[in-house]
Protein backbone atom coordinates (compact mmCIF):
# COMPACT_ATOMS: atom_id res chain seq x y z
CA MET A 1 33.42 12.18 11.89
CA ASP A 2 35.69 13.15 8.98
CA SER A 3 34.65 15.42 6.12
CA TYR A 4 33.69 12.59 3.81
CA SER A 5 31.64 10.53 6.24
CA PHE A 6 28.04 10.81 7.27
CA ASP A 7 25.84 9.82 10.20
CA ILE A 8 24.52 6.40 9.14
CA TRP A 9 21.83 6.30 11.84
CA GLU A 10 20.50 9.73 10.92
CA PHE A 11 20.43 8.64 7.29
CA LEU A 12 18.61 5.37 8.09
CA ALA A 13 16.17 7.20 10.38
CA GLY A 14 15.51 9.64 7.55
CA LEU A 15 14.88 6.73 5.19
CA GLY A 16 12.47 5.17 7.70
CA ILE A 17 10.56 8.46 8.16
CA PHE A 18 10.54 8.91 4.40
CA LEU A 19 9.01 5.43 3.86
CA LEU A 20 6.48 6.04 6.66
CA GLY A 21 5.37 9.21 4.88
CA MET A 22 5.01 7.27 1.64
CA ILE A 23 2.82 4.64 3.31
CA MET A 24 0.65 7.29 5.01
CA ILE A 25 0.12 9.17 1.74
CA GLU A 26 -0.85 6.08 -0.21
CA ARG A 27 -3.27 4.82 2.44
CA ALA A 28 -4.89 8.22 2.84
CA LEU A 29 -5.24 8.67 -0.92
CA SER A 30 -6.85 5.26 -1.33
CA ILE A 31 -9.57 6.31 1.15
CA LEU A 32 -9.95 9.98 0.20
CA ALA A 33 -9.98 9.32 -3.54
CA GLY A 34 -13.71 9.44 -3.91
CA ARG A 35 -15.45 10.03 -7.20
CA PRO A 36 -15.11 13.89 -7.26
CA PHE A 37 -11.41 13.73 -6.39
CA LYS A 38 -10.72 11.11 -9.04
CA LYS A 39 -12.61 13.14 -11.64
CA MET A 40 -10.62 16.26 -10.75
CA LEU A 41 -7.27 14.46 -11.07
CA ARG A 42 -8.28 12.85 -14.32
CA LYS A 43 -9.44 16.23 -15.61
CA PHE A 44 -6.00 17.77 -15.08
CA THR A 45 -4.03 14.73 -16.23
CA ASN A 46 -6.26 13.24 -18.93
CA ARG A 47 -4.10 14.57 -21.79
CA PRO A 48 -0.33 14.34 -22.17
CA VAL A 49 0.19 18.11 -22.38
CA LYS A 50 -2.05 18.77 -19.36
CA ALA A 51 -0.29 16.03 -17.39
CA ILE A 52 3.12 17.54 -18.19
CA LEU A 53 1.94 21.04 -17.25
CA SER A 54 0.44 19.71 -14.00
CA GLY A 55 3.73 18.03 -13.12
CA THR A 56 5.66 21.20 -13.91
CA VAL A 57 3.44 23.52 -11.86
CA VAL A 58 3.13 21.23 -8.82
CA THR A 59 6.88 20.58 -8.74
CA ALA A 60 7.61 24.30 -9.07
CA ILE A 61 5.42 24.88 -6.00
CA LEU A 62 6.73 21.97 -3.91
CA GLN A 63 10.32 22.41 -5.12
CA SER A 64 10.90 18.66 -5.22
CA SER A 65 10.60 16.43 -8.26
CA SER A 66 11.27 13.44 -5.98
CA VAL A 67 8.19 14.19 -3.86
CA VAL A 68 6.00 14.74 -6.92
CA SER A 69 7.25 11.54 -8.52
CA LEU A 70 6.51 9.65 -5.30
CA MET A 71 3.04 11.21 -5.20
CA VAL A 72 2.51 9.92 -8.73
CA LEU A 73 3.58 6.43 -7.62
CA ALA A 74 0.96 6.57 -4.86
CA LEU A 75 -1.73 7.79 -7.27
CA VAL A 76 -0.91 5.07 -9.78
CA GLY A 77 -0.87 2.48 -7.00
CA SER A 78 -4.32 3.70 -5.92
CA GLY A 79 -5.61 3.40 -9.48
CA ILE A 80 -6.45 7.11 -9.74
CA ILE A 81 -4.43 8.04 -12.84
CA GLU A 82 -3.34 5.98 -15.83
CA LEU A 83 0.23 5.03 -16.61
CA SER A 84 0.68 7.26 -19.70
CA ASN A 85 -0.63 10.32 -17.84
CA ALA A 86 1.50 9.48 -14.80
CA ILE A 87 4.58 9.48 -17.02
CA GLY A 88 3.52 12.89 -18.35
CA VAL A 89 3.39 14.27 -14.79
CA VAL A 90 6.86 12.83 -14.10
CA LEU A 91 8.27 14.43 -17.25
CA GLY A 92 6.78 17.76 -16.23
CA SER A 93 8.28 17.43 -12.76
CA ASN A 94 11.76 17.38 -14.31
CA LEU A 95 11.13 20.84 -15.74
CA GLY A 96 9.40 22.08 -12.59
CA THR A 97 12.36 21.24 -10.38
CA THR A 98 14.55 23.65 -12.36
CA PHE A 99 12.67 26.57 -10.76
CA THR A 100 14.70 26.09 -7.59
CA GLY A 101 17.83 26.96 -9.52
CA TRP A 102 16.22 30.16 -10.83
CA ILE A 103 15.27 31.21 -7.28
CA VAL A 104 18.77 30.54 -5.95
CA ALA A 105 20.42 32.22 -8.91
CA PHE A 106 18.27 35.34 -8.58
CA PHE A 107 17.88 35.68 -4.82
CA GLY A 108 20.50 33.40 -3.26
CA PHE A 109 17.62 31.77 -1.38
CA GLN A 110 17.78 28.13 -0.28
CA ILE A 111 14.61 26.26 0.63
CA ASP A 112 14.40 25.07 4.25
CA ILE A 113 12.58 21.76 3.85
CA GLU A 114 12.37 21.05 7.58
CA SER A 115 10.47 24.27 8.34
CA PHE A 116 8.08 23.32 5.54
CA ALA A 117 7.60 19.80 6.92
CA LEU A 118 6.95 20.56 10.59
CA PRO A 119 3.60 22.39 10.12
CA PHE A 120 2.35 19.46 8.00
CA ILE A 121 3.35 16.97 10.71
CA ALA A 122 1.93 19.04 13.57
CA GLY A 123 -1.33 19.79 11.77
CA GLY A 124 -1.72 16.26 10.43
CA VAL A 125 -1.09 14.54 13.77
CA PHE A 126 -3.42 16.86 15.70
CA ILE A 127 -6.16 16.23 13.15
CA MET A 128 -5.63 12.48 13.49
CA VAL A 129 -5.77 12.70 17.32
CA PHE A 130 -8.88 14.88 17.60
CA PHE A 131 -10.87 13.44 14.68
CA THR A 132 -10.30 9.69 15.15
CA GLY A 133 -13.98 8.92 14.67
CA LYS A 134 -14.39 10.99 11.51
CA GLU A 135 -12.79 8.92 8.76
CA LYS A 136 -12.59 11.60 6.06
CA ILE A 137 -11.12 14.31 8.29
CA TYR A 138 -8.81 11.76 9.95
CA ASN A 139 -7.38 10.76 6.59
CA ILE A 140 -6.89 14.38 5.58
CA GLY A 141 -4.69 14.60 8.65
CA ASN A 142 -3.06 11.32 7.66
CA LEU A 143 -2.33 12.76 4.21
CA ALA A 144 -0.92 16.00 5.62
CA GLY A 145 1.20 14.14 8.15
CA GLY A 146 2.43 11.83 5.39
CA PHE A 147 3.62 14.80 3.34
CA GLY A 148 5.35 16.20 6.40
CA PHE A 149 7.15 12.94 7.18
CA LEU A 150 8.12 12.63 3.52
CA PHE A 151 9.76 16.06 3.58
CA LEU A 152 11.31 15.50 7.01
CA GLY A 153 12.78 12.17 5.93
CA LEU A 154 14.36 13.79 2.89
CA GLU A 155 15.77 16.54 5.12
CA TYR A 156 17.31 14.04 7.55
CA MET A 157 18.88 12.09 4.70
CA LYS A 158 20.36 15.28 3.30
CA SER A 159 21.57 16.67 6.62
CA SER A 160 23.23 13.36 7.53
CA ILE A 161 25.68 13.88 4.69
CA ALA A 162 25.87 17.67 5.02
CA LEU A 163 29.61 17.64 5.68
CA LEU A 164 30.13 15.55 2.57
CA GLY A 165 28.46 18.20 0.43
CA GLN A 166 30.03 21.18 2.22
CA ASN A 167 33.58 19.84 2.09
CA PHE A 168 33.49 18.15 -1.29
CA ASP A 169 36.46 19.51 -3.26
CA LEU A 170 35.53 19.55 -6.94
CA THR A 171 38.81 20.93 -8.25
CA PRO A 172 40.67 17.59 -8.73
CA TYR A 173 37.86 16.26 -10.91
CA VAL A 174 37.86 19.32 -13.16
CA ASP A 175 41.53 18.74 -13.90
CA PHE A 176 40.58 15.46 -15.61
CA SER A 177 37.49 16.42 -17.62
CA PRO A 178 34.28 18.41 -17.16
CA TYR A 179 32.41 15.25 -18.05
CA LEU A 180 33.65 13.58 -14.87
CA LEU A 181 31.45 16.01 -12.97
CA PHE A 182 28.48 14.18 -14.51
CA PHE A 183 29.24 11.19 -12.27
CA VAL A 184 29.86 13.44 -9.28
CA GLY A 185 26.43 15.01 -9.78
CA PHE A 186 24.82 11.61 -10.18
CA VAL A 187 26.29 10.22 -6.95
CA LEU A 188 25.51 13.34 -4.92
CA ALA A 189 21.88 13.47 -6.13
CA ALA A 190 21.44 9.77 -5.42
CA ILE A 191 22.69 10.33 -1.86
CA VAL A 192 20.91 13.60 -0.99
CA GLN A 193 17.74 12.61 -2.91
CA SER A 194 17.51 16.05 -4.52
CA SER A 195 18.76 17.44 -7.82
CA SER A 196 17.95 20.92 -6.47
CA ALA A 197 20.51 20.47 -3.68
CA VAL A 198 23.15 19.46 -6.20
CA MET A 199 22.20 22.49 -8.29
CA VAL A 200 22.89 24.70 -5.25
CA ILE A 201 26.32 23.06 -4.79
CA ALA A 202 27.11 23.55 -8.49
CA LEU A 203 25.98 27.20 -8.40
CA SER A 204 28.10 27.81 -5.30
CA ALA A 205 31.16 26.24 -6.91
CA LEU A 206 30.56 28.15 -10.14
CA ASN A 207 30.08 31.42 -8.28
CA ALA A 208 33.34 30.85 -6.35
CA GLY A 209 35.22 30.19 -9.59
CA MET A 210 36.07 26.64 -8.52
CA ILE A 211 34.73 25.10 -11.74
CA PRO A 212 33.93 26.35 -15.23
CA LEU A 213 30.40 26.55 -16.65
CA ALA A 214 30.77 23.35 -18.71
CA ALA A 215 31.79 21.32 -15.65
CA ALA A 216 28.89 22.74 -13.60
CA ALA A 217 26.49 21.92 -16.46
CA ALA A 218 27.75 18.32 -16.62
CA MET A 219 27.28 18.03 -12.86
CA VAL A 220 23.68 19.24 -13.14
CA ILE A 221 22.98 16.71 -15.89
CA GLY A 222 24.24 13.93 -13.62
CA SER A 223 22.04 15.15 -10.76
CA ASP A 224 18.95 14.80 -12.96
CA LEU A 225 19.70 11.11 -13.44
CA GLY A 226 20.73 10.58 -9.80
CA THR A 227 17.42 11.84 -8.43
CA THR A 228 15.57 8.98 -10.16
CA ILE A 229 17.01 6.64 -7.51
CA THR A 230 14.41 8.01 -5.06
CA VAL A 231 11.53 6.86 -7.23
CA ILE A 232 13.17 3.52 -7.95
CA PHE A 233 13.43 2.85 -4.20
CA GLY A 234 9.81 3.94 -3.75
CA SER A 235 8.63 1.44 -6.36
CA ILE A 236 10.61 -1.66 -5.30
CA LYS A 237 7.77 -3.17 -3.26
CA GLY A 238 5.03 -1.59 -5.34
CA THR A 239 2.67 -2.71 -8.06
CA ALA A 240 3.69 -3.34 -11.67
CA ASP A 241 2.41 0.12 -12.67
CA LYS A 242 4.54 1.75 -9.97
CA LYS A 243 7.61 -0.02 -11.31
CA ARG A 244 6.71 1.08 -14.83
CA VAL A 245 6.48 4.73 -13.77
CA ALA A 246 9.87 4.48 -12.06
CA LEU A 247 11.40 2.81 -15.13
CA GLY A 248 9.78 5.42 -17.38
CA GLN A 249 11.34 8.27 -15.43
CA PHE A 250 14.75 6.59 -15.46
CA VAL A 251 14.62 5.90 -19.21
CA PHE A 252 13.48 9.46 -19.96
CA ASN A 253 16.18 11.02 -17.79
CA PHE A 254 18.85 8.67 -19.11
CA ILE A 255 18.11 9.44 -22.78
CA VAL A 256 17.74 13.18 -22.22
CA ASP A 257 20.85 13.37 -20.05
CA VAL A 258 22.97 11.42 -22.55
CA LEU A 259 21.81 13.76 -25.33
CA ALA A 260 22.54 16.76 -23.11
CA LEU A 261 26.07 15.47 -22.52
CA ILE A 262 26.64 14.86 -26.23
CA PHE A 263 25.44 18.35 -27.13
CA LEU A 264 26.85 19.99 -23.99
CA TYR A 265 28.95 22.66 -25.69
CA PRO A 266 26.48 23.51 -28.50
CA LEU A 267 23.68 23.93 -25.92
CA LEU A 268 25.85 26.15 -23.75
CA ARG A 269 26.71 28.31 -26.76
CA LEU A 270 23.00 28.57 -27.56
CA ILE A 271 22.34 29.77 -24.01
CA THR A 272 25.23 32.20 -23.73
CA GLU A 273 25.47 33.50 -27.30
CA GLY A 274 22.06 32.77 -28.80
CA PHE A 275 19.93 33.79 -25.79
CA GLY A 276 22.47 36.31 -24.49
CA PHE A 277 22.95 34.99 -20.95
CA SER A 278 26.19 36.58 -19.76
CA ASN A 279 25.79 35.74 -16.06
CA PRO A 280 27.22 32.20 -15.56
CA LEU A 281 24.76 31.42 -12.75
CA LEU A 282 21.76 32.28 -14.90
CA SER A 283 23.38 30.47 -17.83
CA LEU A 284 23.58 27.29 -15.74
CA VAL A 285 19.92 27.32 -14.62
CA ALA A 286 18.83 28.28 -18.14
CA PHE A 287 20.80 25.32 -19.48
CA HIS A 288 19.10 23.05 -16.92
CA SER A 289 15.63 24.22 -17.93
CA CYS A 290 16.48 24.16 -21.63
CA PHE A 291 17.63 20.56 -21.92
CA ASN A 292 14.67 19.33 -19.81
CA LEU A 293 12.24 21.27 -21.99
CA LEU A 294 13.84 19.91 -25.16
CA GLY A 295 13.58 16.40 -23.70
CA ILE A 296 9.84 16.87 -23.09
CA ILE A 297 9.34 18.16 -26.63
CA LEU A 298 11.26 15.14 -27.94
CA PHE A 299 9.21 12.61 -25.92
CA LEU A 300 5.76 14.21 -26.18
CA PRO A 301 4.79 12.75 -29.59
CA PHE A 302 5.81 9.29 -28.43
CA LEU A 303 4.28 9.35 -24.94
CA LYS A 304 1.50 6.83 -25.73
CA LEU A 305 3.96 4.52 -27.50
CA PHE A 306 6.37 4.87 -24.59
CA ALA A 307 3.58 3.87 -22.16
CA ARG A 308 2.73 0.82 -24.28
CA LEU A 309 6.37 -0.26 -24.28
CA LEU A 310 6.48 0.09 -20.50
CA ASN A 311 3.31 -2.00 -20.20
CA ASN A 312 5.29 -4.90 -21.62
CA ARG A 313 7.69 -4.66 -18.71
CA PHE A 314 7.03 -6.26 -15.32
CA LYS A 315 4.43 -8.93 -14.85
CA LYS A 316 1.01 -7.55 -13.99
CA GLU A 317 0.20 -9.16 -10.68
CA SER A 318 -3.23 -10.70 -10.33
CA THR A 319 -5.53 -8.69 -8.10
CA MET A 320 -7.73 -11.73 -7.47
CA ILE A 321 -7.72 -13.36 -4.05
CA GLY A 322 -8.98 -16.68 -5.42
CA ARG A 323 -6.61 -19.57 -6.08
CA PHE A 324 -8.71 -22.10 -7.95
CA ILE A 325 -11.24 -20.17 -10.04
CA VAL A 326 -8.84 -17.68 -11.61
CA ASN A 327 -8.14 -19.57 -14.83
CA THR A 328 -11.05 -22.01 -14.74
CA PRO A 329 -13.52 -21.74 -17.65
CA THR A 330 -17.21 -22.01 -16.72
CA GLY A 331 -18.05 -23.71 -20.02
CA LEU A 332 -17.26 -27.08 -18.41
CA PRO A 333 -19.65 -27.02 -15.42
CA GLU A 334 -18.34 -30.17 -13.75
CA ILE A 335 -14.78 -28.82 -13.63
CA ALA A 336 -15.97 -25.32 -12.75
CA ILE A 337 -18.02 -26.59 -9.80
CA GLU A 338 -15.06 -28.59 -8.54
CA SER A 339 -12.91 -25.42 -8.66
CA LEU A 340 -15.71 -23.48 -6.96
CA GLN A 341 -15.84 -26.04 -4.15
CA LYS A 342 -12.08 -25.75 -3.61
CA GLU A 343 -12.39 -21.97 -3.54
CA VAL A 344 -15.24 -22.12 -1.00
CA ARG A 345 -13.00 -24.25 1.20
CA HIS A 346 -10.31 -21.59 0.76
CA LEU A 347 -12.85 -18.97 1.90
CA ILE A 348 -13.76 -21.03 4.97
CA GLU A 349 -10.06 -21.37 5.87
CA ARG A 350 -9.68 -17.59 5.64
CA VAL A 351 -12.65 -17.12 7.97
CA PHE A 352 -11.14 -19.60 10.43
CA ALA A 353 -7.93 -17.55 10.29
CA LEU A 354 -9.86 -14.30 10.87
CA HIS A 355 -11.54 -15.72 13.98
CA ILE A 356 -8.36 -17.06 15.56
CA SER A 357 -6.56 -13.79 14.72
CA ILE A 358 -9.23 -11.75 16.47
CA LEU A 359 -9.01 -14.01 19.54
CA ASN A 360 -5.19 -14.11 19.31
CA ILE A 361 -5.14 -17.92 19.30
CA ASN A 362 -1.86 -19.63 18.38
CA PRO A 363 -2.23 -20.55 14.67
CA HIS A 364 0.33 -23.36 14.85
CA ILE A 365 -2.10 -25.68 16.65
CA PHE A 366 -4.15 -25.77 13.43
CA ALA A 367 -1.27 -27.13 11.33
CA LEU A 368 -2.57 -30.66 10.95
CA GLY A 369 -0.97 -33.69 9.30
CA ASN A 370 -1.79 -32.37 5.82
CA GLY A 371 0.31 -29.27 6.50
CA ILE A 372 -2.62 -26.86 6.36
CA GLY A 373 -2.34 -23.96 8.78
CA PHE A 374 -3.19 -20.29 9.07
CA GLU A 375 0.23 -18.66 9.43
CA ASN A 376 0.09 -16.98 6.01
CA TYR A 377 -3.22 -15.28 6.83
CA TYR A 378 -2.48 -14.72 10.50
CA ASP A 379 0.30 -12.21 9.82
CA GLU A 380 -2.11 -9.85 8.07
CA ALA A 381 -3.97 -7.06 9.87
CA ILE A 382 -7.57 -7.86 10.84
CA THR A 383 -8.98 -5.20 8.50
CA ASP A 384 -6.87 -6.56 5.62
CA GLN A 385 -8.01 -10.11 6.32
CA TYR A 386 -11.67 -9.12 6.34
CA LEU A 387 -11.28 -7.01 3.19
CA LYS A 388 -9.74 -9.97 1.33
CA ILE A 389 -12.52 -12.24 2.58
CA LYS A 390 -15.09 -9.83 1.14
CA GLU A 391 -13.18 -9.59 -2.15
CA LEU A 392 -13.01 -13.37 -2.36
CA GLU A 393 -16.75 -13.55 -1.72
CA GLY A 394 -17.32 -11.21 -4.68
CA GLU A 395 -15.12 -13.34 -6.93
CA LEU A 396 -16.97 -16.49 -5.85
CA VAL A 397 -20.43 -15.01 -6.44
CA GLU A 398 -19.43 -13.74 -9.88
CA PHE A 399 -18.04 -17.18 -10.77
CA TYR A 400 -21.23 -18.81 -9.43
CA VAL A 401 -23.42 -16.58 -11.62
CA ASN A 402 -21.34 -17.45 -14.70
CA ILE A 403 -21.77 -21.17 -14.00
CA GLN A 404 -25.50 -20.65 -13.57
CA ASN A 405 -25.68 -19.39 -17.15
CA GLU A 406 -24.48 -22.76 -18.44
CA GLN A 407 -26.59 -25.84 -19.15
CA LEU A 408 -26.45 -27.81 -15.88
CA GLU A 409 -27.36 -31.32 -14.84
CA ARG A 410 -29.63 -31.60 -11.80
CA THR A 411 -26.80 -32.88 -9.61
CA ASP A 412 -24.67 -29.91 -10.64
CA SER A 413 -27.49 -27.49 -9.85
CA VAL A 414 -27.97 -29.04 -6.41
CA ARG A 415 -24.25 -28.87 -5.61
CA LEU A 416 -24.07 -25.29 -6.85
CA LYS A 417 -26.95 -24.33 -4.57
CA GLN A 418 -25.18 -25.87 -1.57
CA LEU A 419 -21.97 -24.00 -2.34
CA ILE A 420 -23.67 -20.62 -2.60
CA LEU A 421 -25.39 -21.33 0.73
CA ALA A 422 -22.00 -22.15 2.24
CA ILE A 423 -20.68 -18.78 1.04
CA ARG A 424 -23.60 -16.94 2.64
CA TYR A 425 -23.29 -18.80 5.94
CA VAL A 426 -19.53 -18.36 6.28
CA MET A 427 -19.71 -14.65 5.44
CA THR A 428 -22.33 -14.18 8.16
CA SER A 429 -19.99 -15.97 10.56
CA ALA A 430 -17.11 -13.67 9.58
CA LYS A 431 -19.17 -10.52 10.03
CA SER A 432 -20.45 -11.57 13.48
CA VAL A 433 -16.94 -11.91 14.88
CA LYS A 434 -15.48 -8.96 12.98
CA ASP A 435 -18.21 -6.69 14.42
CA ILE A 436 -17.09 -7.43 18.01
CA HIS A 437 -13.37 -7.10 17.31
CA HIS A 438 -13.31 -3.74 19.12
CA ASN A 439 -14.93 -5.32 22.21
CA ILE A 440 -12.24 -8.00 22.33
CA LYS A 441 -9.51 -5.35 22.09
CA ASP A 442 -11.18 -3.53 25.01
CA TYR A 443 -10.92 -6.71 27.12
CA HIS A 444 -7.13 -6.66 26.77
CA ARG A 445 -7.05 -3.11 28.14
CA SER A 446 -9.53 -3.74 30.97
CA ILE A 447 -8.44 -3.48 34.61
CA ASN A 448 -11.41 -5.61 35.78
CA ASP A 449 -9.96 -9.06 36.53
CA HIS A 450 -13.46 -10.58 36.60
CA LEU A 451 -14.16 -9.40 33.05
CA ILE A 452 -10.75 -10.62 31.91
CA GLY A 453 -11.52 -13.98 33.53
CA LEU A 454 -14.78 -14.29 31.57
CA PHE A 455 -12.97 -13.42 28.37
CA GLY A 456 -10.27 -15.99 29.12
CA ARG A 457 -12.97 -18.61 29.57
CA LEU A 458 -14.57 -17.61 26.27
CA LYS A 459 -11.23 -17.82 24.49
CA ILE A 460 -10.53 -21.33 25.85
CA GLN A 461 -14.00 -22.49 24.78
CA GLN A 462 -13.62 -21.07 21.30
CA GLU A 463 -10.08 -22.41 20.85
CA SER A 464 -11.27 -25.93 21.64
CA PHE A 465 -14.34 -25.53 19.43
CA TYR A 466 -12.36 -24.21 16.44
CA LEU A 467 -9.74 -26.94 16.75
CA ASP A 468 -12.34 -29.73 16.86
CA LEU A 469 -14.32 -28.20 13.98
CA PHE A 470 -11.22 -27.70 11.86
CA LYS A 471 -10.05 -31.28 12.45
CA LEU A 472 -13.46 -32.53 11.32
CA TYR A 473 -13.41 -30.16 8.36
CA GLN A 474 -10.06 -31.53 7.21
CA SER A 475 -10.88 -35.17 7.95
CA SER A 476 -11.09 -37.59 5.03
CA ILE A 477 -13.44 -39.93 6.95
CA SER A 478 -16.79 -38.76 5.62
CA ILE A 479 -18.75 -41.28 7.65
CA GLY A 480 -18.29 -39.15 10.77
CA TYR A 481 -19.21 -35.76 9.30
CA PHE A 482 -22.89 -35.72 10.29
CA GLU A 483 -22.43 -36.87 13.88
CA GLY A 484 -19.35 -34.72 14.38
CA LEU A 485 -21.10 -31.57 13.20
CA ALA A 486 -24.15 -32.39 15.33
CA ASP A 487 -21.96 -32.79 18.43
CA LEU A 488 -20.19 -29.48 17.74
CA LYS A 489 -23.51 -27.74 17.25
CA GLN A 490 -24.53 -28.87 20.73
CA THR A 491 -21.09 -28.00 22.14
CA SER A 492 -21.47 -24.43 20.90
CA ARG A 493 -24.85 -24.14 22.63
CA THR A 494 -23.45 -25.61 25.85
CA ASN A 495 -20.50 -23.19 25.78
CA TYR A 496 -22.90 -20.30 25.28
CA ASN A 497 -24.95 -21.32 28.32
CA LYS A 498 -21.89 -21.90 30.50
CA LEU A 499 -20.49 -18.44 29.82
CA LEU A 500 -23.94 -16.95 30.39
CA ASP A 501 -24.17 -18.67 33.79
CA ALA A 502 -20.66 -17.47 34.69
CA ALA A 503 -21.61 -13.92 33.74
CA TYR A 504 -24.80 -14.07 35.85
CA SER A 505 -22.69 -15.21 38.80
CA LYS A 506 -20.42 -12.18 38.43
CA ILE A 507 -23.43 -9.90 38.08
CA ALA A 508 -24.93 -11.29 41.31
CA GLU A 509 -21.65 -10.47 43.07
CA GLN A 510 -21.72 -6.96 41.51
CA GLN A 511 -18.35 -7.48 39.87
CA LEU A 512 -19.34 -6.12 36.44
CA SER A 513 -20.50 -2.66 35.39
CA GLU A 514 -23.63 -2.12 33.31
CA VAL A 515 -21.57 -1.56 30.16
CA GLU A 516 -19.46 -4.66 30.84
CA ILE A 517 -22.61 -6.75 31.34
CA SER A 518 -24.06 -5.61 28.03
CA THR A 519 -20.74 -6.17 26.25
CA ILE A 520 -20.13 -9.72 27.54
CA PHE A 521 -23.68 -10.71 26.63
CA ASN A 522 -23.27 -9.29 23.14
CA VAL A 523 -19.88 -10.95 22.58
CA ASN A 524 -21.15 -14.32 23.82
CA ARG A 525 -24.21 -14.10 21.56
CA GLU A 526 -22.18 -13.12 18.49
CA PHE A 527 -19.75 -15.99 18.94
CA TYR A 528 -22.64 -18.39 19.33
CA ASN A 529 -24.25 -17.10 16.12
CA SER A 530 -20.90 -17.15 14.34
CA ASN A 531 -20.26 -20.76 15.39
CA LYS A 532 -23.70 -21.77 14.18
CA MET A 533 -23.14 -20.16 10.76
CA LEU A 534 -19.68 -21.69 10.46
CA ILE A 535 -21.08 -25.15 11.16
CA LEU A 536 -23.84 -24.62 8.58
CA ALA A 537 -21.28 -23.52 5.98
CA ILE A 538 -19.12 -26.58 6.57
CA LYS A 539 -22.24 -28.75 6.55
CA GLU A 540 -23.06 -27.62 3.00
CA VAL A 541 -19.52 -28.39 1.85
CA LEU A 542 -19.15 -31.78 3.52
CA LEU A 543 -22.64 -33.31 3.34
CA PRO A 544 -24.76 -34.27 0.35
CA GLU A 545 -28.08 -32.45 -0.05
CA ALA A 546 -30.27 -35.04 1.72
CA LYS A 547 -27.96 -35.25 4.72
CA ALA A 548 -27.67 -31.45 4.86
CA ILE A 549 -31.46 -31.15 5.01
CA ASP A 550 -31.63 -33.75 7.81
CA PHE A 551 -28.96 -31.84 9.72
CA ASP A 552 -31.07 -28.67 9.67
CA GLY A 553 -33.75 -30.56 11.57
CA ILE A 554 -31.52 -31.29 14.58
CA GLN A 555 -32.69 -29.45 17.68
CA GLU A 556 -30.22 -28.18 20.23
CA VAL A 557 -30.66 -29.02 23.93
CA ALA A 558 -31.02 -25.74 25.80
């Protein structure tokens, strides 16, 4: 490897670890951010000055404006702090990161990020391993581990290009213009993800007499802008507010850095002659702190206006799960009820998808002639699917209540009642299967072939049942709804009895343990109840009121 190359795999691994840490932090914060924690954060960031001071102090402690800025992205993404206050923290972090330069200039000390990261990773992972069942403690470990991985990823990215920084000859660029070092600083900071690291390089070059003070100052200015690339990458797949924070930091740094370049020599004279800094190393770090402080003073009066301008950038994505009720007014009940019915069907499809995901049934067999399938839902984690189902239920109930407040015809009232019943039934169905998800995962890990055989039988029964029910649900031939649902109701009961008989046979042969017996009985019962509720939900959607009432009177054959 030559002096200007770097280990691409180490860099990409560092980026992967870095992103893993970001994900862990955001997930942990979303769970740990209870009411007291949110109140504490809001207390220390509820005013622009306090937000700036908080950003300055935290960054001075952590010695990384990139990490603090990424923390702010996570907090904004979790809805804990507002955009204007988040920008204040980011502005303060720019000043806080200058403390590294002061430490290096005074003591020649360079922060070892890896040694700082490893205790976080070790402690966090051990907490996660030993406290799996305790959600709060587990997520404290998740948070600590996330911080560790974040630091470790940054360290790997920096070390992968260590030779580039160590062997970078600055002299040729100085021969052209000190201002060219601005671009050198920008590129280096963008690569190493740390303006502090570039500051160390500049101090070393300045101390060795390789470059003059003005060139080192221009390089430091460039590094301030280059470090914003970290936050931009961290916001690419984030919410609109995350992107606004990243844009806010870039705009702030760009304006301040351009002004610092324009007034480079006057500011340096102020530092060296006005403040009496004769040591070039201290002059450089003082210059770094000075232009960041002046930038904060310049932006502070306009922070609220700046936040409002940023709010006009990037489309605010809808947080609603619903597709049909989002922009439907309830003042026209007939149209609103039609939208509600479409949304209830959407909810039922999501519950179908949850069930087949839990059983690991191939979703492609449900892609019928109308093109409807479950692939889009199937790729989501089970917990995410269920959470979105619950959120959609909340949206539907709220929409239902708003329709209820309107003047309704009797037919509208009847249909509305059926739809709310369908919501209740299908949510009960979803909960029954979701509650035994852990039992189904245990089956896959079981070494008892007899238990696995029972589960395989259950899966085949359910796959056939879901496919037949879904075909009926999507059928446009309404004349067969009643009979089809009645047949499936009996099929579900028959399947329940068959699996019960098969389980009793295994019990008689002593092929199941006591725990396995209890589990298979519970799983069979929950699927039977879930099927019953799913049929009742679809019955309310497909059948008129009179037919739905008649259906409830059908008795199953035991």
